Amino acid sequence: TGLFVTDNIDTLIHTVGGEEVEKLPRHALTVEAWFTVGAEELPLGGIAGAQQEGPRCFKGWSLTHSRTLAGNSSTTITFTASVTANEGELGFGSFSTLAHTVSPALPTNEWVHVAATYNRSHLSLYLNGVPSAAAAACDSPPCGAIVYPSRLSERGDCRRGSTTVTVGTFDNQMLGQSFPHVGAIRHVRLMDAPLLPWEVLDLYRSLS
């Protein structure tokens, strides 16, 4: 079922310089993990995330993967993030999405290193230390901070107190959905800085 770091993102709020802010990375982000795929087919599995997605709430971020055997087998790694520039007039938010497909699929039961970064302008993905995909996070960078579905984000229509922060599952309590990872996960790290390509490669080499 994955690891629930917290079942309420509002518990990860603290005060800095007299201002309440989320403890999770806001102005930039790197999420890193090693994982194995333990199923031949997996429609969706969560690696890590802090996200709520519903009819009028698209906030937070997630890193997920899927594996299919249909046609040529393939694995797709997907990184999504909601940023200030894409909140919209009503503040519902929207997700910038970066997906990278590997064909043939990543082998089962072998360790894979993945890293995803947000640097206020672009989303980037790395597999086994190698840059794999990148895309603009908004139409006119800089794109601003990551917007979380916490009580500090007053705009939009998110369900308060129901956003989980997870490792090893993609969980959306607003829609009653949970998509656990199948396989093993280790060395999950969140950083409030966008690692550069050579830094990601160093992380991969240090544990490979």
Protein backbone atom coordinates (compact mmCIF):
# COMPACT_ATOMS: atom_id res chain seq x y z
CA THR A 1 0.00 0.00 0.00
CA GLY A 2 3.02 2.32 0.14
CA LEU A 3 4.26 4.58 2.91
CA PHE A 4 2.07 7.46 4.07
CA VAL A 5 4.48 10.14 5.32
CA THR A 6 1.36 11.94 6.53
CA ASP A 7 -2.34 11.62 5.81
CA ASN A 8 -2.76 15.40 6.07
CA ILE A 9 -0.39 17.75 4.26
CA ASP A 10 -1.35 20.51 6.73
CA THR A 11 0.80 18.79 9.37
CA LEU A 12 3.83 19.74 7.25
CA ILE A 13 3.52 23.48 7.82
CA HIS A 14 5.90 25.53 9.92
CA THR A 15 6.72 29.18 10.56
CA VAL A 16 9.74 30.85 8.96
CA GLY A 17 10.40 34.52 9.64
CA GLY A 18 6.91 34.96 11.02
CA GLU A 19 5.27 33.43 7.92
CA GLU A 20 3.62 30.03 7.67
CA VAL A 21 4.98 27.92 4.80
CA GLU A 22 4.93 24.28 3.76
CA LYS A 23 7.94 22.20 4.78
CA LEU A 24 7.88 20.48 1.40
CA PRO A 25 10.02 21.97 -1.40
CA ARG A 26 8.27 24.99 -2.91
CA HIS A 27 10.55 27.17 -5.04
CA ALA A 28 12.40 24.27 -6.66
CA LEU A 29 12.31 20.49 -6.38
CA THR A 30 14.27 17.33 -6.96
CA VAL A 31 12.70 13.96 -6.17
CA GLU A 32 15.01 10.96 -6.44
CA ALA A 33 14.44 7.23 -5.97
CA TRP A 34 15.70 3.77 -6.82
CA PHE A 35 12.96 1.28 -7.71
CA THR A 36 12.32 -2.12 -9.24
CA VAL A 37 9.31 -3.11 -11.32
CA GLY A 38 7.72 -6.22 -9.87
CA ALA A 39 4.88 -6.76 -12.35
CA GLU A 40 4.77 -7.46 -16.06
CA GLU A 41 1.89 -5.02 -16.43
CA LEU A 42 1.12 -2.06 -14.19
CA PRO A 43 -1.47 0.53 -15.26
CA LEU A 44 -0.18 3.07 -12.72
CA GLY A 45 2.12 2.96 -9.72
CA GLY A 46 3.20 5.80 -7.48
CA ILE A 47 6.85 6.44 -6.63
CA ALA A 48 6.29 9.57 -4.50
CA GLY A 49 3.84 12.42 -4.37
CA ALA A 50 1.95 15.14 -2.56
CA GLN A 51 -0.97 15.82 -4.84
CA GLN A 52 -4.71 16.32 -5.02
CA GLU A 53 -6.60 16.05 -8.29
CA GLY A 54 -10.30 16.64 -8.64
CA PRO A 55 -12.89 18.58 -10.59
CA ARG A 56 -11.69 21.95 -9.26
CA CYS A 57 -8.38 21.18 -7.60
CA PHE A 58 -5.14 20.40 -9.42
CA LYS A 59 -2.32 21.03 -6.96
CA GLY A 60 0.90 19.47 -5.70
CA TRP A 61 3.22 17.10 -7.58
CA SER A 62 3.67 13.41 -8.25
CA LEU A 63 6.15 10.97 -9.78
CA THR A 64 4.56 7.80 -11.18
CA HIS A 65 5.24 5.00 -13.62
CA SER A 66 3.35 2.45 -15.70
CA ARG A 67 4.27 -0.67 -17.65
CA THR A 68 2.40 -2.29 -20.51
CA LEU A 69 2.88 -5.34 -22.70
CA ALA A 70 0.42 -4.20 -25.38
CA GLY A 71 2.17 -4.13 -28.77
CA ASN A 72 5.82 -3.39 -28.06
CA SER A 73 6.31 -3.43 -24.28
CA SER A 74 7.00 -0.03 -22.73
CA THR A 75 7.49 1.80 -19.47
CA THR A 76 6.30 5.37 -18.99
CA ILE A 77 7.65 7.63 -16.23
CA THR A 78 5.43 10.66 -15.51
CA PHE A 79 6.24 13.77 -13.47
CA THR A 80 3.50 16.31 -12.80
CA ALA A 81 3.58 19.58 -10.88
CA SER A 82 1.23 22.49 -10.24
CA VAL A 83 2.95 25.90 -10.28
CA THR A 84 1.86 29.44 -9.55
CA ALA A 85 1.84 30.54 -13.19
CA ASN A 86 -0.80 27.92 -14.03
CA GLU A 87 -3.23 28.54 -11.14
CA GLY A 88 -5.79 30.21 -13.41
CA GLU A 89 -8.28 32.97 -12.69
CA LEU A 90 -10.25 30.93 -10.16
CA GLY A 91 -7.22 29.32 -8.57
CA PHE A 92 -8.18 25.74 -9.41
CA GLY A 93 -4.67 25.11 -10.70
CA SER A 94 -3.52 22.80 -13.47
CA PHE A 95 -0.76 20.27 -13.88
CA SER A 96 2.31 20.63 -16.03
CA THR A 97 3.06 17.07 -17.12
CA LEU A 98 6.25 15.49 -18.41
CA ALA A 99 6.08 11.88 -19.59
CA HIS A 100 8.95 9.77 -20.88
CA THR A 101 8.34 6.37 -22.50
CA VAL A 102 10.99 3.66 -22.72
CA SER A 103 10.51 0.84 -25.23
CA PRO A 104 11.08 -2.01 -24.73
CA ALA A 105 9.93 -1.73 -21.14
CA LEU A 106 12.34 -1.49 -18.24
CA PRO A 107 13.17 -5.05 -17.13
CA THR A 108 11.38 -6.43 -14.11
CA ASN A 109 13.18 -6.92 -10.81
CA GLU A 110 16.19 -4.77 -11.74
CA TRP A 111 17.07 -1.57 -9.92
CA VAL A 112 16.44 1.67 -11.81
CA HIS A 113 17.41 5.17 -10.69
CA VAL A 114 14.96 8.00 -11.45
CA ALA A 115 15.20 11.70 -10.70
CA ALA A 116 12.75 14.48 -11.50
CA THR A 117 13.45 18.19 -11.14
CA TYR A 118 11.62 21.51 -11.29
CA ASN A 119 13.75 24.67 -11.59
CA ARG A 120 11.04 27.38 -11.86
CA SER A 121 11.02 27.10 -15.64
CA HIS A 122 11.24 23.44 -16.71
CA LEU A 123 10.40 19.92 -15.61
CA SER A 124 13.14 17.36 -16.25
CA LEU A 125 13.45 13.58 -15.94
CA TYR A 126 16.58 11.42 -15.60
CA LEU A 127 16.88 7.63 -15.83
CA ASN A 128 20.01 5.93 -14.51
CA GLY A 129 21.80 9.28 -14.41
CA VAL A 130 21.02 10.21 -18.02
CA PRO A 131 18.81 13.19 -19.02
CA SER A 132 15.72 11.62 -20.58
CA ALA A 133 13.11 14.36 -21.10
CA ALA A 134 12.42 18.02 -20.38
CA ALA A 135 9.56 20.43 -20.98
CA ALA A 136 8.57 23.98 -20.04
CA ALA A 137 6.47 24.14 -16.88
CA CYS A 138 4.52 27.18 -18.08
CA ASP A 139 4.15 29.37 -21.15
CA SER A 140 6.17 32.32 -19.84
CA PRO A 141 8.86 31.40 -17.29
CA PRO A 142 9.65 32.00 -14.50
CA CYS A 143 6.73 29.81 -13.45
CA GLY A 144 6.76 30.49 -9.71
CA ALA A 145 6.51 28.21 -6.71
CA ILE A 146 4.90 24.79 -6.49
CA VAL A 147 1.30 25.13 -5.32
CA TYR A 148 0.24 22.57 -2.72
CA PRO A 149 -3.33 21.61 -1.72
CA SER A 150 -2.76 22.76 1.84
CA ARG A 151 -4.70 25.23 3.94
CA LEU A 152 -2.20 27.89 2.85
CA SER A 153 -3.56 27.69 -0.71
CA GLU A 154 -6.87 29.46 -0.20
CA ARG A 155 -7.87 29.68 -3.87
CA GLY A 156 -9.58 26.86 -5.72
CA ASP A 157 -11.71 24.12 -4.27
CA CYS A 158 -9.45 21.49 -2.71
CA ARG A 159 -10.67 19.21 0.05
CA ARG A 160 -8.93 20.43 3.17
CA GLY A 161 -7.14 18.01 5.45
CA SER A 162 -7.29 15.10 3.02
CA THR A 163 -4.10 15.34 0.97
CA THR A 164 -1.58 12.61 1.70
CA VAL A 165 2.18 12.73 1.22
CA THR A 166 3.27 9.30 0.04
CA VAL A 167 6.14 7.07 -1.02
CA GLY A 168 5.37 3.95 -3.04
CA THR A 169 1.79 4.81 -3.98
CA PHE A 170 -0.20 7.43 -5.84
CA ASP A 171 -3.06 8.41 -3.56
CA ASN A 172 -5.95 10.75 -4.28
CA GLN A 173 -8.46 10.73 -1.46
CA MET A 174 -10.68 13.30 -3.19
CA LEU A 175 -11.49 10.73 -5.88
CA GLY A 176 -11.03 7.67 -3.67
CA GLN A 177 -8.18 6.34 -5.80
CA SER A 178 -4.93 4.63 -4.80
CA PHE A 179 -2.32 3.16 -7.14
CA PRO A 180 0.44 1.35 -5.22
CA HIS A 181 3.85 0.63 -6.66
CA VAL A 182 4.58 -3.05 -7.30
CA GLY A 183 8.20 -3.84 -6.55
CA ALA A 184 10.84 -2.40 -4.25
CA ILE A 185 11.81 1.23 -3.54
CA ARG A 186 14.84 2.61 -1.73
CA HIS A 187 16.76 5.87 -1.22
CA VAL A 188 13.85 8.23 -1.80
CA ARG A 189 14.93 11.85 -1.35
CA LEU A 190 13.26 15.23 -1.73
CA MET A 191 15.44 18.31 -2.18
CA ASP A 192 14.47 21.96 -2.35
CA ALA A 193 16.90 22.58 -5.21
CA PRO A 194 16.93 21.52 -8.87
CA LEU A 195 19.94 19.27 -9.27
CA LEU A 196 22.06 19.79 -12.36
CA PRO A 197 22.74 16.90 -14.78
CA TRP A 198 26.21 16.22 -13.39
CA GLU A 199 24.82 16.16 -9.83
CA VAL A 200 22.15 13.62 -10.80
CA LEU A 201 24.83 11.50 -12.47
CA ASP A 202 26.96 11.64 -9.32
CA LEU A 203 24.00 10.46 -7.22
CA TYR A 204 23.40 7.58 -9.59
CA ARG A 205 27.06 6.54 -9.61
CA SER A 206 27.37 6.79 -5.84
CA LEU A 207 24.81 4.02 -5.28
CA SER A 208 24.88 1.97 -8.48
